[in-house]
PDB file of N, CA and C in Angstrom:
ATOM      1  N   UNK A   1       9.614 -18.744 -16.578  1.00  0.00           N
ATOM      2  CA  UNK A   1       8.218 -18.330 -16.477  1.00  0.00           C
ATOM      3  C   UNK A   1       7.896 -17.793 -15.089  1.00  0.00           C
ATOM      4  N   UNK A   2       8.388 -18.462 -14.057  1.00  0.00           N
ATOM      5  CA  UNK A   2       8.091 -18.041 -12.690  1.00  0.00           C
ATOM      6  C   UNK A   2       8.707 -16.674 -12.399  1.00  0.00           C
ATOM      7  N   UNK A   3       9.859 -16.395 -13.018  1.00  0.00           N
ATOM      8  CA  UNK A   3      10.495 -15.104 -12.770  1.00  0.00           C
ATOM      9  C   UNK A   3       9.717 -13.961 -13.423  1.00  0.00           C
ATOM     10  N   UNK A   4       9.078 -14.231 -14.545  1.00  0.00           N
ATOM     11  CA  UNK A   4       8.237 -13.204 -15.170  1.00  0.00           C
ATOM     12  C   UNK A   4       7.043 -12.881 -14.290  1.00  0.00           C
ATOM     13  N   UNK A   5       6.460 -13.913 -13.707  1.00  0.00           N
ATOM     14  CA  UNK A   5       5.335 -13.694 -12.792  1.00  0.00           C
ATOM     15  C   UNK A   5       5.799 -12.899 -11.578  1.00  0.00           C
ATOM     16  N   UNK A   6       6.948 -13.275 -11.029  1.00  0.00           N
ATOM     17  CA  UNK A   6       7.474 -12.564  -9.858  1.00  0.00           C
ATOM     18  C   UNK A   6       7.782 -11.106 -10.204  1.00  0.00           C
ATOM     19  N   UNK A   7       8.322 -10.878 -11.383  1.00  0.00           N
ATOM     20  CA  UNK A   7       8.623  -9.508 -11.812  1.00  0.00           C
ATOM     21  C   UNK A   7       7.341  -8.701 -11.986  1.00  0.00           C
ATOM     22  N   UNK A   8       6.330  -9.297 -12.579  1.00  0.00           N
ATOM     23  CA  UNK A   8       5.056  -8.616 -12.764  1.00  0.00           C
ATOM     24  C   UNK A   8       4.401  -8.292 -11.411  1.00  0.00           C
ATOM     25  N   UNK A   9       4.405  -9.246 -10.509  1.00  0.00           N
ATOM     26  CA  UNK A   9       3.792  -9.045  -9.191  1.00  0.00           C
ATOM     27  C   UNK A   9       4.557  -7.974  -8.417  1.00  0.00           C
ATOM     28  N   UNK A  10       5.875  -7.986  -8.511  1.00  0.00           N
ATOM     29  CA  UNK A  10       6.674  -6.975  -7.821  1.00  0.00           C
ATOM     30  C   UNK A  10       6.434  -5.587  -8.406  1.00  0.00           C
ATOM     31  N   UNK A  11       6.340  -5.492  -9.717  1.00  0.00           N
ATOM     32  CA  UNK A  11       6.059  -4.199 -10.353  1.00  0.00           C
ATOM     33  C   UNK A  11       4.676  -3.694  -9.949  1.00  0.00           C
ATOM     34  N   UNK A  12       3.712  -4.594  -9.870  1.00  0.00           N
ATOM     35  CA  UNK A  12       2.373  -4.213  -9.428  1.00  0.00           C
ATOM     36  C   UNK A  12       2.400  -3.710  -7.991  1.00  0.00           C
ATOM     37  N   UNK A  13       3.158  -4.408  -7.129  1.00  0.00           N
ATOM     38  CA  UNK A  13       3.281  -3.974  -5.736  1.00  0.00           C
ATOM     39  C   UNK A  13       3.894  -2.582  -5.657  1.00  0.00           C
ATOM     40  N   UNK A  14       4.983  -2.361  -6.392  1.00  0.00           N
ATOM     41  CA  UNK A  14       5.633  -1.054  -6.347  1.00  0.00           C
ATOM     42  C   UNK A  14       4.698   0.054  -6.809  1.00  0.00           C
ATOM     43  N   UNK A  15       3.954  -0.193  -7.874  1.00  0.00           N
ATOM     44  CA  UNK A  15       3.013   0.806  -8.369  1.00  0.00           C
ATOM     45  C   UNK A  15       1.933   1.103  -7.330  1.00  0.00           C
ATOM     46  N   UNK A  16       1.337   0.056  -6.777  1.00  0.00           N
ATOM     47  CA  UNK A  16       0.295   0.263  -5.762  1.00  0.00           C
ATOM     48  C   UNK A  16       0.849   0.941  -4.513  1.00  0.00           C
ATOM     49  N   UNK A  17       2.034   0.536  -4.101  1.00  0.00           N
ATOM     50  CA  UNK A  17       2.646   1.113  -2.900  1.00  0.00           C
ATOM     51  C   UNK A  17       2.925   2.607  -3.104  1.00  0.00           C
ATOM     52  N   UNK A  18       3.527   2.960  -4.225  1.00  0.00           N
ATOM     53  CA  UNK A  18       3.829   4.374  -4.479  1.00  0.00           C
ATOM     54  C   UNK A  18       2.554   5.206  -4.618  1.00  0.00           C
ATOM     55  N   UNK A  19       1.544   4.664  -5.290  1.00  0.00           N
ATOM     56  CA  UNK A  19       0.266   5.382  -5.386  1.00  0.00           C
ATOM     57  C   UNK A  19      -0.345   5.603  -4.005  1.00  0.00           C
ATOM     58  N   UNK A  20      -0.298   4.577  -3.159  1.00  0.00           N
ATOM     59  CA  UNK A  20      -0.845   4.707  -1.816  1.00  0.00           C
ATOM     60  C   UNK A  20      -0.099   5.752  -1.004  1.00  0.00           C
ATOM     61  N   UNK A  21       1.215   5.730  -1.090  1.00  0.00           N
ATOM     62  CA  UNK A  21       2.010   6.716  -0.336  1.00  0.00           C
ATOM     63  C   UNK A  21       1.694   8.126  -0.817  1.00  0.00           C
ATOM     64  N   UNK A  22       1.639   8.320  -2.120  1.00  0.00           N
ATOM     65  CA  UNK A  22       1.368   9.660  -2.654  1.00  0.00           C
ATOM     66  C   UNK A  22      -0.038  10.140  -2.305  1.00  0.00           C
ATOM     67  N   UNK A  23      -1.033   9.274  -2.479  1.00  0.00           N
ATOM     68  CA  UNK A  23      -2.416   9.676  -2.181  1.00  0.00           C
ATOM     69  C   UNK A  23      -2.586   9.944  -0.692  1.00  0.00           C
ATOM     70  N   UNK A  24      -1.955   9.122   0.134  1.00  0.00           N
ATOM     71  CA  UNK A  24      -2.100   9.312   1.575  1.00  0.00           C
ATOM     72  C   UNK A  24      -1.331  10.534   2.046  1.00  0.00           C
ATOM     73  N   UNK A  25      -0.130  10.730   1.545  1.00  0.00           N
ATOM     74  CA  UNK A  25       0.691  11.851   2.006  1.00  0.00           C
ATOM     75  C   UNK A  25       0.145  13.205   1.548  1.00  0.00           C
ATOM     76  N   UNK A  26      -0.284  13.277   0.309  1.00  0.00           N
ATOM     77  CA  UNK A  26      -0.714  14.570  -0.219  1.00  0.00           C
ATOM     78  C   UNK A  26      -2.226  14.752  -0.246  1.00  0.00           C
ATOM     79  N   UNK A  27      -2.979  13.676  -0.367  1.00  0.00           N
ATOM     80  CA  UNK A  27      -4.436  13.792  -0.415  1.00  0.00           C
ATOM     81  C   UNK A  27      -5.096  13.700   0.947  1.00  0.00           C
ATOM     82  N   UNK A  28      -4.553  12.855   1.819  1.00  0.00           N
ATOM     83  CA  UNK A  28      -5.119  12.666   3.159  1.00  0.00           C
ATOM     84  C   UNK A  28      -4.038  12.971   4.189  1.00  0.00           C
ATOM     85  N   UNK A  29      -3.733  14.231   4.319  1.00  0.00           N
ATOM     86  CA  UNK A  29      -2.633  14.644   5.186  1.00  0.00           C
ATOM     87  C   UNK A  29      -2.876  14.239   6.643  1.00  0.00           C
ATOM     88  N   UNK A  30      -4.121  14.244   7.059  1.00  0.00           N
ATOM     89  CA  UNK A  30      -4.428  13.863   8.458  1.00  0.00           C
ATOM     90  C   UNK A  30      -4.129  12.389   8.704  1.00  0.00           C
ATOM     91  N   UNK A  31      -4.325  11.563   7.701  1.00  0.00           N
ATOM     92  CA  UNK A  31      -3.963  10.154   7.855  1.00  0.00           C
ATOM     93  C   UNK A  31      -2.448  10.032   7.986  1.00  0.00           C
ATOM     94  N   UNK A  32      -1.738  10.792   7.169  1.00  0.00           N
ATOM     95  CA  UNK A  32      -0.280  10.697   7.159  1.00  0.00           C
ATOM     96  C   UNK A  32       0.317  11.176   8.479  1.00  0.00           C
ATOM     97  N   UNK A  33      -0.369  12.057   9.185  1.00  0.00           N
ATOM     98  CA  UNK A  33       0.135  12.558  10.467  1.00  0.00           C
ATOM     99  C   UNK A  33       0.087  11.494  11.557  1.00  0.00           C
ATOM    100  N   UNK A  34      -0.722  10.487  11.395  1.00  0.00           N
ATOM    101  CA  UNK A  34      -0.808   9.415  12.393  1.00  0.00           C
ATOM    102  C   UNK A  34       0.420   8.520  12.274  1.00  0.00           C
ATOM    103  N   UNK A  35       1.051   8.252  13.428  1.00  0.00           N
ATOM    104  CA  UNK A  35       2.299   7.487  13.400  1.00  0.00           C
ATOM    105  C   UNK A  35       2.076   6.038  12.986  1.00  0.00           C
ATOM    106  N   UNK A  36       0.937   5.469  13.320  1.00  0.00           N
ATOM    107  CA  UNK A  36       0.712   4.071  12.960  1.00  0.00           C
ATOM    108  C   UNK A  36       0.558   3.899  11.452  1.00  0.00           C
ATOM    109  N   UNK A  37       0.060   4.927  10.769  1.00  0.00           N
ATOM    110  CA  UNK A  37      -0.064   4.844   9.312  1.00  0.00           C
ATOM    111  C   UNK A  37       1.316   4.899   8.678  1.00  0.00           C
ATOM    112  N   UNK A  38       2.154   5.828   9.147  1.00  0.00           N
ATOM    113  CA  UNK A  38       3.514   5.910   8.610  1.00  0.00           C
ATOM    114  C   UNK A  38       4.318   4.655   8.928  1.00  0.00           C
ATOM    115  N   UNK A  39       4.101   4.096  10.117  1.00  0.00           N
ATOM    116  CA  UNK A  39       4.798   2.860  10.487  1.00  0.00           C
ATOM    117  C   UNK A  39       4.351   1.704   9.598  1.00  0.00           C
ATOM    118  N   UNK A  40       3.056   1.619   9.322  1.00  0.00           N
ATOM    119  CA  UNK A  40       2.554   0.561   8.434  1.00  0.00           C
ATOM    120  C   UNK A  40       3.158   0.698   7.043  1.00  0.00           C
ATOM    121  N   UNK A  41       3.248   1.922   6.541  1.00  0.00           N
ATOM    122  CA  UNK A  41       3.847   2.125   5.225  1.00  0.00           C
ATOM    123  C   UNK A  41       5.336   1.806   5.235  1.00  0.00           C
ATOM    124  N   UNK A  42       5.994   2.046   6.372  1.00  0.00           N
ATOM    125  CA  UNK A  42       7.417   1.772   6.461  1.00  0.00           C
ATOM    126  C   UNK A  42       7.713   0.267   6.444  1.00  0.00           C
ATOM    127  N   UNK A  43       6.875  -0.524   7.111  1.00  0.00           N
ATOM    128  CA  UNK A  43       7.130  -1.954   7.231  1.00  0.00           C
ATOM    129  C   UNK A  43       6.497  -2.784   6.114  1.00  0.00           C
ATOM    130  N   UNK A  44       5.634  -2.202   5.326  1.00  0.00           N
ATOM    131  CA  UNK A  44       4.952  -2.959   4.272  1.00  0.00           C
ATOM    132  C   UNK A  44       5.905  -3.543   3.225  1.00  0.00           C
ATOM    133  N   UNK A  45       6.918  -2.804   2.752  1.00  0.00           N
ATOM    134  CA  UNK A  45       7.841  -3.426   1.790  1.00  0.00           C
ATOM    135  C   UNK A  45       8.599  -4.628   2.366  1.00  0.00           C
ATOM    136  N   UNK A  46       8.966  -4.560   3.645  1.00  0.00           N
ATOM    137  CA  UNK A  46       9.651  -5.694   4.260  1.00  0.00           C
ATOM    138  C   UNK A  46       8.727  -6.904   4.364  1.00  0.00           C
ATOM    139  N   UNK A  47       7.473  -6.664   4.707  1.00  0.00           N
ATOM    140  CA  UNK A  47       6.498  -7.748   4.754  1.00  0.00           C
ATOM    141  C   UNK A  47       6.330  -8.370   3.374  1.00  0.00           C
ATOM    142  N   UNK A  48       6.228  -7.533   2.365  1.00  0.00           N
ATOM    143  CA  UNK A  48       6.074  -8.028   0.998  1.00  0.00           C
ATOM    144  C   UNK A  48       7.305  -8.817   0.564  1.00  0.00           C
ATOM    145  N   UNK A  49       8.491  -8.314   0.883  1.00  0.00           N
ATOM    146  CA  UNK A  49       9.717  -9.009   0.524  1.00  0.00           C
ATOM    147  C   UNK A  49       9.785 -10.380   1.190  1.00  0.00           C
ATOM    148  N   UNK A  50       9.397 -10.461   2.452  1.00  0.00           N
ATOM    149  CA  UNK A  50       9.397 -11.727   3.162  1.00  0.00           C
ATOM    150  C   UNK A  50       8.423 -12.715   2.515  1.00  0.00           C
ATOM    151  N   UNK A  51       7.222 -12.252   2.220  1.00  0.00           N
ATOM    152  CA  UNK A  51       6.221 -13.120   1.590  1.00  0.00           C
ATOM    153  C   UNK A  51       6.680 -13.566   0.205  1.00  0.00           C
ATOM    154  N   UNK A  52       7.255 -12.650  -0.556  1.00  0.00           N
ATOM    155  CA  UNK A  52       7.751 -12.990  -1.887  1.00  0.00           C
ATOM    156  C   UNK A  52       8.897 -13.992  -1.834  1.00  0.00           C
ATOM    157  N   UNK A  53       9.768 -13.837  -0.832  1.00  0.00           N
ATOM    158  CA  UNK A  53      10.862 -14.797  -0.690  1.00  0.00           C
ATOM    159  C   UNK A  53      10.345 -16.180  -0.301  1.00  0.00           C
ATOM    160  N   UNK A  54       9.312 -16.221   0.540  1.00  0.00           N
ATOM    161  CA  UNK A  54       8.693 -17.508   0.860  1.00  0.00           C
ATOM    162  C   UNK A  54       8.129 -18.161  -0.399  1.00  0.00           C
ATOM    163  N   UNK A  55       7.490 -17.355  -1.209  1.00  0.00           N
ATOM    164  CA  UNK A  55       6.898 -17.853  -2.454  1.00  0.00           C
ATOM    165  C   UNK A  55       7.993 -18.401  -3.388  1.00  0.00           C
ATOM    166  N   UNK A  56       9.050 -17.598  -3.554  1.00  0.00           N
ATOM    167  CA  UNK A  56      10.132 -18.035  -4.435  1.00  0.00           C
ATOM    168  C   UNK A  56      10.850 -19.262  -3.871  1.00  0.00           C
ATOM    169  N   UNK A  57      11.044 -19.314  -2.554  1.00  0.00           N
ATOM    170  CA  UNK A  57      11.694 -20.478  -1.940  1.00  0.00           C
ATOM    171  C   UNK A  57      10.837 -21.723  -2.151  1.00  0.00           C
ATOM    172  N   UNK A  58       9.536 -21.574  -2.001  1.00  0.00           N
ATOM    173  CA  UNK A  58       8.644 -22.704  -2.243  1.00  0.00           C
ATOM    174  C   UNK A  58       8.690 -23.179  -3.680  1.00  0.00           C
ATOM    175  N   UNK A  59       8.823 -22.235  -4.601  1.00  0.00           N
ATOM    176  CA  UNK A  59       8.918 -22.603  -6.013  1.00  0.00           C
ATOM    177  C   UNK A  59      10.231 -23.332  -6.295  1.00  0.00           C
ATOM    178  N   UNK A  60      11.331 -22.815  -5.742  1.00  0.00           N
ATOM    179  CA  UNK A  60      12.641 -23.425  -5.990  1.00  0.00           C
ATOM    180  C   UNK A  60      12.786 -24.779  -5.305  1.00  0.00           C
ATOM    181  N   UNK A  61      12.217 -24.905  -4.105  1.00  0.00           N
ATOM    182  CA  UNK A  61      12.334 -26.149  -3.347  1.00  0.00           C
ATOM    183  C   UNK A  61      11.239 -27.159  -3.702  1.00  0.00           C
ATOM    184  N   UNK A  62      10.354 -26.772  -4.586  1.00  0.00           N
ATOM    185  CA  UNK A  62       9.237 -27.618  -4.994  1.00  0.00           C
ATOM    186  C   UNK A  62       8.340 -27.992  -3.812  1.00  0.00           C
ATOM    187  N   UNK A  63       8.151 -27.017  -2.925  1.00  0.00           N
ATOM    188  CA  UNK A  63       7.315 -27.217  -1.745  1.00  0.00           C
ATOM    189  C   UNK A  63       5.961 -26.548  -1.999  1.00  0.00           C
ATOM    190  N   UNK A  64       4.944 -27.348  -2.153  1.00  0.00           N
ATOM    191  CA  UNK A  64       3.617 -26.812  -2.440  1.00  0.00           C
ATOM    192  C   UNK A  64       3.102 -25.968  -1.278  1.00  0.00           C
ATOM    193  N   UNK A  65       3.348 -26.420  -0.052  1.00  0.00           N
ATOM    194  CA  UNK A  65       2.867 -25.682   1.122  1.00  0.00           C
ATOM    195  C   UNK A  65       3.494 -24.300   1.192  1.00  0.00           C
ATOM    196  N   UNK A  66       4.812 -24.229   1.012  1.00  0.00           N
ATOM    197  CA  UNK A  66       5.515 -22.948   1.088  1.00  0.00           C
ATOM    198  C   UNK A  66       5.084 -22.019  -0.044  1.00  0.00           C
ATOM    199  N   UNK A  67       4.882 -22.577  -1.217  1.00  0.00           N
ATOM    200  CA  UNK A  67       4.429 -21.775  -2.355  1.00  0.00           C
ATOM    201  C   UNK A  67       3.039 -21.209  -2.096  1.00  0.00           C
ATOM    202  N   UNK A  68       2.145 -22.037  -1.564  1.00  0.00           N
ATOM    203  CA  UNK A  68       0.784 -21.558  -1.265  1.00  0.00           C
ATOM    204  C   UNK A  68       0.791 -20.466  -0.213  1.00  0.00           C
ATOM    205  N   UNK A  69       1.555 -20.673   0.858  1.00  0.00           N
ATOM    206  CA  UNK A  69       1.598 -19.676   1.938  1.00  0.00           C
ATOM    207  C   UNK A  69       2.184 -18.358   1.453  1.00  0.00           C
ATOM    208  N   UNK A  70       3.297 -18.425   0.741  1.00  0.00           N
ATOM    209  CA  UNK A  70       3.938 -17.205   0.242  1.00  0.00           C
ATOM    210  C   UNK A  70       3.065 -16.460  -0.749  1.00  0.00           C
ATOM    211  N   UNK A  71       2.503 -17.181  -1.705  1.00  0.00           N
ATOM    212  CA  UNK A  71       1.662 -16.513  -2.706  1.00  0.00           C
ATOM    213  C   UNK A  71       0.362 -16.013  -2.086  1.00  0.00           C
ATOM    214  N   UNK A  72      -0.152 -16.729  -1.111  1.00  0.00           N
ATOM    215  CA  UNK A  72      -1.362 -16.263  -0.424  1.00  0.00           C
ATOM    216  C   UNK A  72      -1.121 -14.976   0.341  1.00  0.00           C
ATOM    217  N   UNK A  73       0.039 -14.882   0.996  1.00  0.00           N
ATOM    218  CA  UNK A  73       0.358 -13.654   1.731  1.00  0.00           C
ATOM    219  C   UNK A  73       0.639 -12.489   0.786  1.00  0.00           C
ATOM    220  N   UNK A  74       1.274 -12.780  -0.351  1.00  0.00           N
ATOM    221  CA  UNK A  74       1.494 -11.729  -1.353  1.00  0.00           C
ATOM    222  C   UNK A  74       0.149 -11.217  -1.868  1.00  0.00           C
ATOM    223  N   UNK A  75      -0.778 -12.131  -2.101  1.00  0.00           N
ATOM    224  CA  UNK A  75      -2.116 -11.748  -2.543  1.00  0.00           C
ATOM    225  C   UNK A  75      -2.817 -10.905  -1.475  1.00  0.00           C
ATOM    226  N   UNK A  76      -2.666 -11.280  -0.217  1.00  0.00           N
ATOM    227  CA  UNK A  76      -3.278 -10.510   0.874  1.00  0.00           C
ATOM    228  C   UNK A  76      -2.704  -9.096   0.935  1.00  0.00           C
ATOM    229  N   UNK A  77      -1.410  -8.956   0.724  1.00  0.00           N
ATOM    230  CA  UNK A  77      -0.785  -7.621   0.721  1.00  0.00           C
ATOM    231  C   UNK A  77      -1.328  -6.796  -0.444  1.00  0.00           C
ATOM    232  N   UNK A  78      -1.489  -7.414  -1.619  1.00  0.00           N
ATOM    233  CA  UNK A  78      -2.047  -6.684  -2.766  1.00  0.00           C
ATOM    234  C   UNK A  78      -3.489  -6.253  -2.506  1.00  0.00           C
ATOM    235  N   UNK A  79      -4.281  -7.129  -1.912  1.00  0.00           N
ATOM    236  CA  UNK A  79      -5.666  -6.766  -1.601  1.00  0.00           C
ATOM    237  C   UNK A  79      -5.699  -5.633  -0.588  1.00  0.00           C
ATOM    238  N   UNK A  80      -4.824  -5.688   0.408  1.00  0.00           N
ATOM    239  CA  UNK A  80      -4.725  -4.607   1.400  1.00  0.00           C
ATOM    240  C   UNK A  80      -4.385  -3.278   0.716  1.00  0.00           C
ATOM    241  N   UNK A  81      -3.421  -3.302  -0.187  1.00  0.00           N
ATOM    242  CA  UNK A  81      -3.032  -2.070  -0.877  1.00  0.00           C
ATOM    243  C   UNK A  81      -4.154  -1.535  -1.764  1.00  0.00           C
ATOM    244  N   UNK A  82      -4.851  -2.417  -2.459  1.00  0.00           N
ATOM    245  CA  UNK A  82      -5.978  -1.977  -3.290  1.00  0.00           C
ATOM    246  C   UNK A  82      -7.093  -1.378  -2.442  1.00  0.00           C
ATOM    247  N   UNK A  83      -7.408  -2.030  -1.327  1.00  0.00           N
ATOM    248  CA  UNK A  83      -8.459  -1.513  -0.447  1.00  0.00           C
ATOM    249  C   UNK A  83      -8.055  -0.165   0.156  1.00  0.00           C
ATOM    250  N   UNK A  84      -6.800  -0.040   0.538  1.00  0.00           N
ATOM    251  CA  UNK A  84      -6.329   1.232   1.093  1.00  0.00           C
ATOM    252  C   UNK A  84      -6.357   2.333   0.045  1.00  0.00           C
ATOM    253  N   UNK A  85      -6.013   1.984  -1.184  1.00  0.00           N
ATOM    254  CA  UNK A  85      -6.047   2.977  -2.252  1.00  0.00           C
ATOM    255  C   UNK A  85      -7.470   3.441  -2.527  1.00  0.00           C
ATOM    256  N   UNK A  86      -8.412   2.521  -2.564  1.00  0.00           N
ATOM    257  CA  UNK A  86      -9.818   2.888  -2.782  1.00  0.00           C
ATOM    258  C   UNK A  86     -10.310   3.769  -1.631  1.00  0.00           C
ATOM    259  N   UNK A  87      -9.991   3.386  -0.401  1.00  0.00           N
ATOM    260  CA  UNK A  87     -10.414   4.182   0.757  1.00  0.00           C
ATOM    261  C   UNK A  87      -9.780   5.568   0.736  1.00  0.00           C
ATOM    262  N   UNK A  88      -8.506   5.639   0.381  1.00  0.00           N
ATOM    263  CA  UNK A  88      -7.825   6.934   0.347  1.00  0.00           C
ATOM    264  C   UNK A  88      -8.379   7.831  -0.753  1.00  0.00           C
ATOM    265  N   UNK A  89      -8.704   7.250  -1.892  1.00  0.00           N
ATOM    266  CA  UNK A  89      -9.254   8.046  -2.998  1.00  0.00           C
ATOM    267  C   UNK A  89     -10.638   8.588  -2.633  1.00  0.00           C
ATOM    268  N   UNK A  90     -11.466   7.761  -1.980  1.00  0.00           N
ATOM    269  CA  UNK A  90     -12.785   8.236  -1.585  1.00  0.00           C
ATOM    270  C   UNK A  90     -12.724   9.234  -0.433  1.00  0.00           C
ATOM    271  N   UNK A  91     -11.717   9.124   0.414  1.00  0.00           N
ATOM    272  CA  UNK A  91     -11.602  10.030   1.563  1.00  0.00           C
ATOM    273  C   UNK A  91     -10.876  11.329   1.217  1.00  0.00           C
ATOM    274  N   UNK A  92     -10.130  11.342   0.125  1.00  0.00           N
ATOM    275  CA  UNK A  92      -9.346  12.522  -0.242  1.00  0.00           C
ATOM    276  C   UNK A  92     -10.192  13.778  -0.439  1.00  0.00           C
ATOM    277  N   UNK A  93     -11.333  13.739  -1.141  1.00  0.00           N
ATOM    278  CA  UNK A  93     -12.118  14.969  -1.291  1.00  0.00           C
ATOM    279  C   UNK A  93     -12.600  15.529   0.054  1.00  0.00           C
ATOM    280  N   UNK A  94     -12.946  14.642   0.976  1.00  0.00           N
ATOM    281  CA  UNK A  94     -13.379  15.107   2.293  1.00  0.00           C
ATOM    282  C   UNK A  94     -12.224  15.736   3.056  1.00  0.00           C
ATOM    283  N   UNK A  95     -11.042  15.154   2.927  1.00  0.00           N
ATOM    284  CA  UNK A  95      -9.870  15.707   3.580  1.00  0.00           C
ATOM    285  C   UNK A  95      -9.500  17.068   2.994  1.00  0.00           C
ATOM    286  N   UNK A  96      -9.562  17.164   1.679  1.00  0.00           N
ATOM    287  CA  UNK A  96      -9.262  18.453   1.040  1.00  0.00           C
ATOM    288  C   UNK A  96     -10.325  19.497   1.380  1.00  0.00           C
ATOM    289  N   UNK A  97     -11.596  19.071   1.454  1.00  0.00           N
ATOM    290  CA  UNK A  97     -12.655  19.989   1.876  1.00  0.00           C
ATOM    291  C   UNK A  97     -12.443  20.477   3.301  1.00  0.00           C
ATOM    292  N   UNK A  98     -11.974  19.601   4.159  1.00  0.00           N
ATOM    293  CA  UNK A  98     -11.685  19.988   5.535  1.00  0.00           C
ATOM    294  C   UNK A  98     -10.542  21.000   5.598  1.00  0.00           C
ATOM    295  N   UNK A  99      -9.532  20.794   4.768  1.00  0.00           N
ATOM    296  CA  UNK A  99      -8.430  21.761   4.703  1.00  0.00           C
ATOM    297  C   UNK A  99      -8.930  23.125   4.223  1.00  0.00           C
ATOM    298  N   UNK A 100      -9.772  23.118   3.183  1.00  0.00           N
ATOM    299  CA  UNK A 100     -10.310  24.371   2.658  1.00  0.00           C
ATOM    300  C   UNK A 100     -11.159  25.070   3.704  1.00  0.00           C
ATOM    301  N   UNK A 101     -11.962  24.304   4.433  1.00  0.00           N
ATOM    302  CA  UNK A 101     -12.773  24.867   5.504  1.00  0.00           C
ATOM    303  C   UNK A 101     -11.900  25.515   6.580  1.00  0.00           C
ATOM    304  N   UNK A 102     -10.793  24.870   6.931  1.00  0.00           N
ATOM    305  CA  UNK A 102      -9.883  25.441   7.924  1.00  0.00           C
ATOM    306  C   UNK A 102      -9.267  26.741   7.437  1.00  0.00           C
ATOM    307  N   UNK A 103      -8.912  26.787   6.143  1.00  0.00           N
ATOM    308  CA  UNK A 103      -8.322  28.011   5.581  1.00  0.00           C
ATOM    309  C   UNK A 103      -9.349  29.135   5.577  1.00  0.00           C
ATOM    310  N   UNK A 104     -10.570  28.837   5.186  1.00  0.00           N
ATOM    311  CA  UNK A 104     -11.631  29.861   5.151  1.00  0.00           C
ATOM    312  C   UNK A 104     -11.945  30.326   6.570  1.00  0.00           C
ATOM    313  N   UNK A 105     -11.977  29.407   7.507  1.00  0.00           N
ATOM    314  CA  UNK A 105     -12.302  29.752   8.893  1.00  0.00           C
ATOM    315  C   UNK A 105     -11.242  30.661   9.515  1.00  0.00           C
ATOM    316  N   UNK A 106      -9.990  30.453   9.131  1.00  0.00           N
ATOM    317  CA  UNK A 106      -8.925  31.314   9.642  1.00  0.00           C
ATOM    318  C   UNK A 106      -8.962  32.695   8.996  1.00  0.00           C
ATOM    319  N   UNK A 107      -9.691  32.822   7.907  1.00  0.00           N
ATOM    320  CA  UNK A 107      -9.847  34.112   7.259  1.00  0.00           C
ATOM    321  C   UNK A 107      -8.763  34.406   6.247  1.00  0.00           C
ATOM    322  N   UNK A 108      -8.067  33.404   5.794  1.00  0.00           N
ATOM    323  CA  UNK A 108      -6.981  33.622   4.856  1.00  0.00           C
ATOM    324  C   UNK A 108      -7.488  33.993   3.471  1.00  0.00           C
ATOM    325  N   UNK A 109      -8.697  33.556   3.122  1.00  0.00           N
ATOM    326  CA  UNK A 109      -9.219  33.854   1.788  1.00  0.00           C
ATOM    327  C   UNK A 109     -10.112  35.088   1.770  1.00  0.00           C
ATOM    328  N   UNK A 110     -10.421  35.633   2.899  1.00  0.00           N
ATOM    329  CA  UNK A 110     -11.331  36.796   2.935  1.00  0.00           C
ATOM    330  C   UNK A 110     -10.579  38.098   2.876  1.00  0.00           C
TER     331      UNK A 110
END
């Protein structure tokens, strides 16, 4: 049973992570140009793996404290990804409008 939960949570993380990368890279190009954003995306899977391993170790060792800490951190990573996805989706039209404005200003469409 615990492995099904872990598989579901991992699949959810992968889906949210890939959606965030795609929306940020192609929808909010200015965000993607910032090195701290790319660095955060680079280290996020390692953070998730560490938290998930803590959770699984707590489950296997029957340690309530370790299970709570690991699952709490996994939950925090999921909330972070959901919040980032919502922010990126709301900011994407403004970013695309800014790109269109730059193209029009350069005179490429005239």
